[in-house]
Amino acid sequence: MSTVLEKKGDNVTKAINFIDAELQQNPETPVHKLISESGARFNLSPKDEEYLTGFFKRRQAEYDC
């Protein structure tokens, strides 16, 4: 997985780490809100935000199984 994140870019990796940290502190926070906030914070493109949405959906699906 780290190679995929390395290819996506450093800011996407920072955004994932930010979202993970926020979810650990406040698990009830909607992921879409954190993705939007991280987009502004880390200067992400709309395509990067789409990637994050898919990333967290896939990860949630893995945990639900």
PDB file of N, CA and C in Angstrom:
ATOM      1  N   MET A   1       0.810  -1.188   0.000  1.00  0.00           N
ATOM      2  CA  MET A   1       0.000   0.000   0.000  1.00  0.00           C
ATOM      3  C   MET A   1       0.858   1.257   0.000  1.00  0.00           C
ATOM      4  N   SER A   2       1.985   1.237   0.631  1.00  0.00           N
ATOM      5  CA  SER A   2       2.817   2.438   0.695  1.00  0.00           C
ATOM      6  C   SER A   2       3.276   2.871  -0.683  1.00  0.00           C
ATOM      7  N   THR A   3       3.493   1.929  -1.597  1.00  0.00           N
ATOM      8  CA  THR A   3       3.924   2.319  -2.933  1.00  0.00           C
ATOM      9  C   THR A   3       2.809   3.061  -3.665  1.00  0.00           C
ATOM     10  N   VAL A   4       1.561   2.681  -3.449  1.00  0.00           N
ATOM     11  CA  VAL A   4       0.441   3.394  -4.067  1.00  0.00           C
ATOM     12  C   VAL A   4       0.397   4.813  -3.532  1.00  0.00           C
ATOM     13  N   LEU A   5       0.546   4.973  -2.222  1.00  0.00           N
ATOM     14  CA  LEU A   5       0.510   6.305  -1.636  1.00  0.00           C
ATOM     15  C   LEU A   5       1.688   7.143  -2.097  1.00  0.00           C
ATOM     16  N   GLU A   6       2.858   6.540  -2.238  1.00  0.00           N
ATOM     17  CA  GLU A   6       4.017   7.278  -2.718  1.00  0.00           C
ATOM     18  C   GLU A   6       3.765   7.797  -4.132  1.00  0.00           C
ATOM     19  N   LYS A   7       3.099   6.995  -4.954  1.00  0.00           N
ATOM     20  CA  LYS A   7       2.813   7.413  -6.322  1.00  0.00           C
ATOM     21  C   LYS A   7       1.775   8.532  -6.343  1.00  0.00           C
ATOM     22  N   LYS A   8       0.834   8.534  -5.411  1.00  0.00           N
ATOM     23  CA  LYS A   8      -0.207   9.554  -5.389  1.00  0.00           C
ATOM     24  C   LYS A   8       0.345  10.915  -4.985  1.00  0.00           C
ATOM     25  N   GLY A   9       1.353  10.952  -4.178  1.00  0.00           N
ATOM     26  CA  GLY A   9       1.949  12.220  -3.796  1.00  0.00           C
ATOM     27  C   GLY A   9       1.977  12.417  -2.292  1.00  0.00           C
ATOM     28  N   ASP A  10       2.896  13.248  -1.912  1.00  0.00           N
ATOM     29  CA  ASP A  10       3.133  13.504  -0.496  1.00  0.00           C
ATOM     30  C   ASP A  10       1.925  14.151   0.174  1.00  0.00           C
ATOM     31  N   ASN A  11       1.242  15.061  -0.517  1.00  0.00           N
ATOM     32  CA  ASN A  11       0.097  15.733   0.094  1.00  0.00           C
ATOM     33  C   ASN A  11      -1.074  14.786   0.332  1.00  0.00           C
ATOM     34  N   VAL A  12      -1.249  13.818  -0.537  1.00  0.00           N
ATOM     35  CA  VAL A  12      -2.306  12.827  -0.330  1.00  0.00           C
ATOM     36  C   VAL A  12      -1.965  11.977   0.892  1.00  0.00           C
ATOM     37  N   THR A  13      -0.710  11.609   1.027  1.00  0.00           N
ATOM     38  CA  THR A  13      -0.278  10.845   2.192  1.00  0.00           C
ATOM     39  C   THR A  13      -0.496  11.649   3.470  1.00  0.00           C
ATOM     40  N   LYS A  14      -0.163  12.930   3.432  1.00  0.00           N
ATOM     41  CA  LYS A  14      -0.391  13.790   4.594  1.00  0.00           C
ATOM     42  C   LYS A  14      -1.877  13.879   4.914  1.00  0.00           C
ATOM     43  N   ALA A  15      -2.701  13.955   3.881  1.00  0.00           N
ATOM     44  CA  ALA A  15      -4.150  14.031   4.082  1.00  0.00           C
ATOM     45  C   ALA A  15      -4.679  12.755   4.732  1.00  0.00           C
ATOM     46  N   ILE A  16      -4.210  11.606   4.277  1.00  0.00           N
ATOM     47  CA  ILE A  16      -4.636  10.340   4.874  1.00  0.00           C
ATOM     48  C   ILE A  16      -4.234  10.283   6.342  1.00  0.00           C
ATOM     49  N   ASN A  17      -3.019  10.688   6.635  1.00  0.00           N
ATOM     50  CA  ASN A  17      -2.562  10.697   8.028  1.00  0.00           C
ATOM     51  C   ASN A  17      -3.386  11.662   8.876  1.00  0.00           C
ATOM     52  N   PHE A  18      -3.704  12.829   8.317  1.00  0.00           N
ATOM     53  CA  PHE A  18      -4.529  13.819   9.012  1.00  0.00           C
ATOM     54  C   PHE A  18      -5.916  13.243   9.301  1.00  0.00           C
ATOM     55  N   ILE A  19      -6.536  12.643   8.293  1.00  0.00           N
ATOM     56  CA  ILE A  19      -7.880  12.084   8.454  1.00  0.00           C
ATOM     57  C   ILE A  19      -7.871  10.955   9.480  1.00  0.00           C
ATOM     58  N   ASP A  20      -6.876  10.088   9.395  1.00  0.00           N
ATOM     59  CA  ASP A  20      -6.762   9.001  10.381  1.00  0.00           C
ATOM     60  C   ASP A  20      -6.651   9.544  11.800  1.00  0.00           C
ATOM     61  N   ALA A  21      -5.819  10.562  11.991  1.00  0.00           N
ATOM     62  CA  ALA A  21      -5.639  11.141  13.327  1.00  0.00           C
ATOM     63  C   ALA A  21      -6.936  11.770  13.827  1.00  0.00           C
ATOM     64  N   GLU A  22      -7.627  12.482  12.944  1.00  0.00           N
ATOM     65  CA  GLU A  22      -8.899  13.099  13.335  1.00  0.00           C
ATOM     66  C   GLU A  22      -9.939  12.045  13.689  1.00  0.00           C
ATOM     67  N   LEU A  23      -9.987  10.958  12.922  1.00  0.00           N
ATOM     68  CA  LEU A  23     -10.956   9.900  13.198  1.00  0.00           C
ATOM     69  C   LEU A  23     -10.647   9.182  14.509  1.00  0.00           C
ATOM     70  N   GLN A  24      -9.379   9.080  14.870  1.00  0.00           N
ATOM     71  CA  GLN A  24      -9.031   8.474  16.148  1.00  0.00           C
ATOM     72  C   GLN A  24      -9.498   9.351  17.305  1.00  0.00           C
ATOM     73  N   GLN A  25      -9.381  10.660  17.151  1.00  0.00           N
ATOM     74  CA  GLN A  25      -9.804  11.582  18.202  1.00  0.00           C
ATOM     75  C   GLN A  25     -11.313  11.758  18.231  1.00  0.00           C
ATOM     76  N   ASN A  26     -11.932  11.795  17.056  1.00  0.00           N
ATOM     77  CA  ASN A  26     -13.376  12.036  16.932  1.00  0.00           C
ATOM     78  C   ASN A  26     -13.976  11.069  15.911  1.00  0.00           C
ATOM     79  N   PRO A  27     -14.217   9.826  16.301  1.00  0.00           N
ATOM     80  CA  PRO A  27     -14.691   8.825  15.335  1.00  0.00           C
ATOM     81  C   PRO A  27     -16.049   9.142  14.707  1.00  0.00           C
ATOM     82  N   GLU A  28     -16.828  10.016  15.339  1.00  0.00           N
ATOM     83  CA  GLU A  28     -18.148  10.347  14.794  1.00  0.00           C
ATOM     84  C   GLU A  28     -18.090  11.387  13.681  1.00  0.00           C
ATOM     85  N   THR A  29     -16.930  11.981  13.455  1.00  0.00           N
ATOM     86  CA  THR A  29     -16.790  12.994  12.398  1.00  0.00           C
ATOM     87  C   THR A  29     -16.968  12.341  11.033  1.00  0.00           C
ATOM     88  N   PRO A  30     -17.828  12.903  10.188  1.00  0.00           N
ATOM     89  CA  PRO A  30     -18.018  12.331   8.841  1.00  0.00           C
ATOM     90  C   PRO A  30     -16.730  12.426   8.012  1.00  0.00           C
ATOM     91  N   VAL A  31     -16.401  11.341   7.361  1.00  0.00           N
ATOM     92  CA  VAL A  31     -15.179  11.284   6.565  1.00  0.00           C
ATOM     93  C   VAL A  31     -15.218  12.319   5.444  1.00  0.00           C
ATOM     94  N   HIS A  32     -16.380  12.511   4.823  1.00  0.00           N
ATOM     95  CA  HIS A  32     -16.455  13.475   3.718  1.00  0.00           C
ATOM     96  C   HIS A  32     -16.092  14.890   4.186  1.00  0.00           C
ATOM     97  N   LYS A  33     -16.427  15.225   5.424  1.00  0.00           N
ATOM     98  CA  LYS A  33     -16.058  16.539   5.962  1.00  0.00           C
ATOM     99  C   LYS A  33     -14.537  16.639   6.116  1.00  0.00           C
ATOM    100  N   LEU A  34     -13.921  15.569   6.597  1.00  0.00           N
ATOM    101  CA  LEU A  34     -12.470  15.560   6.781  1.00  0.00           C
ATOM    102  C   LEU A  34     -11.742  15.588   5.436  1.00  0.00           C
ATOM    103  N   ILE A  35     -12.305  14.921   4.445  1.00  0.00           N
ATOM    104  CA  ILE A  35     -11.701  14.946   3.112  1.00  0.00           C
ATOM    105  C   ILE A  35     -11.742  16.362   2.549  1.00  0.00           C
ATOM    106  N   SER A  36     -12.862  17.023   2.712  1.00  0.00           N
ATOM    107  CA  SER A  36     -12.984  18.401   2.237  1.00  0.00           C
ATOM    108  C   SER A  36     -12.004  19.316   2.966  1.00  0.00           C
ATOM    109  N   GLU A  37     -11.907  19.154   4.277  1.00  0.00           N
ATOM    110  CA  GLU A  37     -10.971  19.969   5.058  1.00  0.00           C
ATOM    111  C   GLU A  37      -9.528  19.697   4.650  1.00  0.00           C
ATOM    112  N   SER A  38      -9.208  18.432   4.436  1.00  0.00           N
ATOM    113  CA  SER A  38      -7.831  18.097   4.050  1.00  0.00           C
ATOM    114  C   SER A  38      -7.521  18.609   2.644  1.00  0.00           C
ATOM    115  N   GLY A  39      -8.540  18.699   1.793  1.00  0.00           N
ATOM    116  CA  GLY A  39      -8.332  19.255   0.456  1.00  0.00           C
ATOM    117  C   GLY A  39      -7.841  20.684   0.516  1.00  0.00           C
ATOM    118  N   ALA A  40      -8.454  21.459   1.390  1.00  0.00           N
ATOM    119  CA  ALA A  40      -8.030  22.853   1.557  1.00  0.00           C
ATOM    120  C   ALA A  40      -6.693  22.936   2.284  1.00  0.00           C
ATOM    121  N   ARG A  41      -6.535  22.119   3.298  1.00  0.00           N
ATOM    122  CA  ARG A  41      -5.328  22.172   4.129  1.00  0.00           C
ATOM    123  C   ARG A  41      -4.078  21.766   3.351  1.00  0.00           C
ATOM    124  N   PHE A  42      -4.206  20.750   2.488  1.00  0.00           N
ATOM    125  CA  PHE A  42      -3.039  20.218   1.784  1.00  0.00           C
ATOM    126  C   PHE A  42      -3.044  20.550   0.287  1.00  0.00           C
ATOM    127  N   ASN A  43      -3.912  21.483  -0.124  1.00  0.00           N
ATOM    128  CA  ASN A  43      -3.960  21.939  -1.511  1.00  0.00           C
ATOM    129  C   ASN A  43      -4.140  20.777  -2.491  1.00  0.00           C
ATOM    130  N   LEU A  44      -5.155  19.961  -2.236  1.00  0.00           N
ATOM    131  CA  LEU A  44      -5.408  18.795  -3.077  1.00  0.00           C
ATOM    132  C   LEU A  44      -6.303  19.167  -4.251  1.00  0.00           C
ATOM    133  N   SER A  45      -6.126  18.465  -5.333  1.00  0.00           N
ATOM    134  CA  SER A  45      -6.984  18.653  -6.499  1.00  0.00           C
ATOM    135  C   SER A  45      -8.297  17.889  -6.275  1.00  0.00           C
ATOM    136  N   PRO A  46      -9.325  18.216  -7.052  1.00  0.00           N
ATOM    137  CA  PRO A  46     -10.564  17.442  -6.954  1.00  0.00           C
ATOM    138  C   PRO A  46     -10.333  15.948  -7.210  1.00  0.00           C
ATOM    139  N   LYS A  47      -9.402  15.647  -8.096  1.00  0.00           N
ATOM    140  CA  LYS A  47      -9.084  14.242  -8.385  1.00  0.00           C
ATOM    141  C   LYS A  47      -8.455  13.565  -7.157  1.00  0.00           C
ATOM    142  N   ASP A  48      -7.605  14.294  -6.434  1.00  0.00           N
ATOM    143  CA  ASP A  48      -7.020  13.757  -5.203  1.00  0.00           C
ATOM    144  C   ASP A  48      -8.111  13.490  -4.162  1.00  0.00           C
ATOM    145  N   GLU A  49      -9.076  14.408  -4.071  1.00  0.00           N
ATOM    146  CA  GLU A  49     -10.168  14.220  -3.120  1.00  0.00           C
ATOM    147  C   GLU A  49     -11.029  13.016  -3.505  1.00  0.00           C
ATOM    148  N   GLU A  50     -11.234  12.817  -4.796  1.00  0.00           N
ATOM    149  CA  GLU A  50     -11.949  11.621  -5.260  1.00  0.00           C
ATOM    150  C   GLU A  50     -11.189  10.362  -4.867  1.00  0.00           C
ATOM    151  N   TYR A  51      -9.878  10.394  -5.014  1.00  0.00           N
ATOM    152  CA  TYR A  51      -9.059   9.256  -4.625  1.00  0.00           C
ATOM    153  C   TYR A  51      -9.240   8.969  -3.129  1.00  0.00           C
ATOM    154  N   LEU A  52      -9.215  10.020  -2.307  1.00  0.00           N
ATOM    155  CA  LEU A  52      -9.376   9.839  -0.861  1.00  0.00           C
ATOM    156  C   LEU A  52     -10.743   9.245  -0.528  1.00  0.00           C
ATOM    157  N   THR A  53     -11.773   9.696  -1.223  1.00  0.00           N
ATOM    158  CA  THR A  53     -13.116   9.156  -1.005  1.00  0.00           C
ATOM    159  C   THR A  53     -13.125   7.657  -1.274  1.00  0.00           C
ATOM    160  N   GLY A  54     -12.572   7.257  -2.395  1.00  0.00           N
ATOM    161  CA  GLY A  54     -12.494   5.830  -2.726  1.00  0.00           C
ATOM    162  C   GLY A  54     -11.629   5.060  -1.747  1.00  0.00           C
ATOM    163  N   PHE A  55     -10.518   5.651  -1.353  1.00  0.00           N
ATOM    164  CA  PHE A  55      -9.603   5.007  -0.410  1.00  0.00           C
ATOM    165  C   PHE A  55     -10.319   4.678   0.898  1.00  0.00           C
ATOM    166  N   PHE A  56     -11.018   5.667   1.453  1.00  0.00           N
ATOM    167  CA  PHE A  56     -11.686   5.448   2.734  1.00  0.00           C
ATOM    168  C   PHE A  56     -12.918   4.554   2.605  1.00  0.00           C
ATOM    169  N   LYS A  57     -13.591   4.576   1.453  1.00  0.00           N
ATOM    170  CA  LYS A  57     -14.706   3.651   1.230  1.00  0.00           C
ATOM    171  C   LYS A  57     -14.203   2.215   1.172  1.00  0.00           C
ATOM    172  N   ARG A  58     -13.093   1.994   0.451  1.00  0.00           N
ATOM    173  CA  ARG A  58     -12.531   0.640   0.363  1.00  0.00           C
ATOM    174  C   ARG A  58     -12.071   0.157   1.725  1.00  0.00           C
ATOM    175  N   ARG A  59     -11.433   1.042   2.467  1.00  0.00           N
ATOM    176  CA  ARG A  59     -10.942   0.659   3.786  1.00  0.00           C
ATOM    177  C   ARG A  59     -12.095   0.343   4.729  1.00  0.00           C
ATOM    178  N   GLN A  60     -13.173   1.114   4.666  1.00  0.00           N
ATOM    179  CA  GLN A  60     -14.331   0.844   5.502  1.00  0.00           C
ATOM    180  C   GLN A  60     -14.960  -0.487   5.122  1.00  0.00           C
ATOM    181  N   ALA A  61     -15.011  -0.776   3.821  1.00  0.00           N
ATOM    182  CA  ALA A  61     -15.570  -2.045   3.359  1.00  0.00           C
ATOM    183  C   ALA A  61     -14.747  -3.222   3.883  1.00  0.00           C
ATOM    184  N   GLU A  62     -13.441  -3.067   3.961  1.00  0.00           N
ATOM    185  CA  GLU A  62     -12.587  -4.118   4.490  1.00  0.00           C
ATOM    186  C   GLU A  62     -12.862  -4.360   5.974  1.00  0.00           C
ATOM    187  N   TYR A  63     -13.090  -3.273   6.729  1.00  0.00           N
ATOM    188  CA  TYR A  63     -13.371  -3.401   8.155  1.00  0.00           C
ATOM    189  C   TYR A  63     -14.754  -4.002   8.399  1.00  0.00           C
ATOM    190  N   ASP A  64     -15.699  -3.733   7.492  1.00  0.00           N
ATOM    191  CA  ASP A  64     -17.069  -4.231   7.655  1.00  0.00           C
ATOM    192  C   ASP A  64     -17.187  -5.726   7.392  1.00  0.00           C
ATOM    193  N   CYS A  65     -16.237  -6.270   6.657  1.00  0.00           N
ATOM    194  CA  CYS A  65     -16.305  -7.703   6.304  1.00  0.00           C
ATOM    195  C   CYS A  65     -15.988  -8.606   7.442  1.00  0.00           C
TER     196      CYS A  65
END
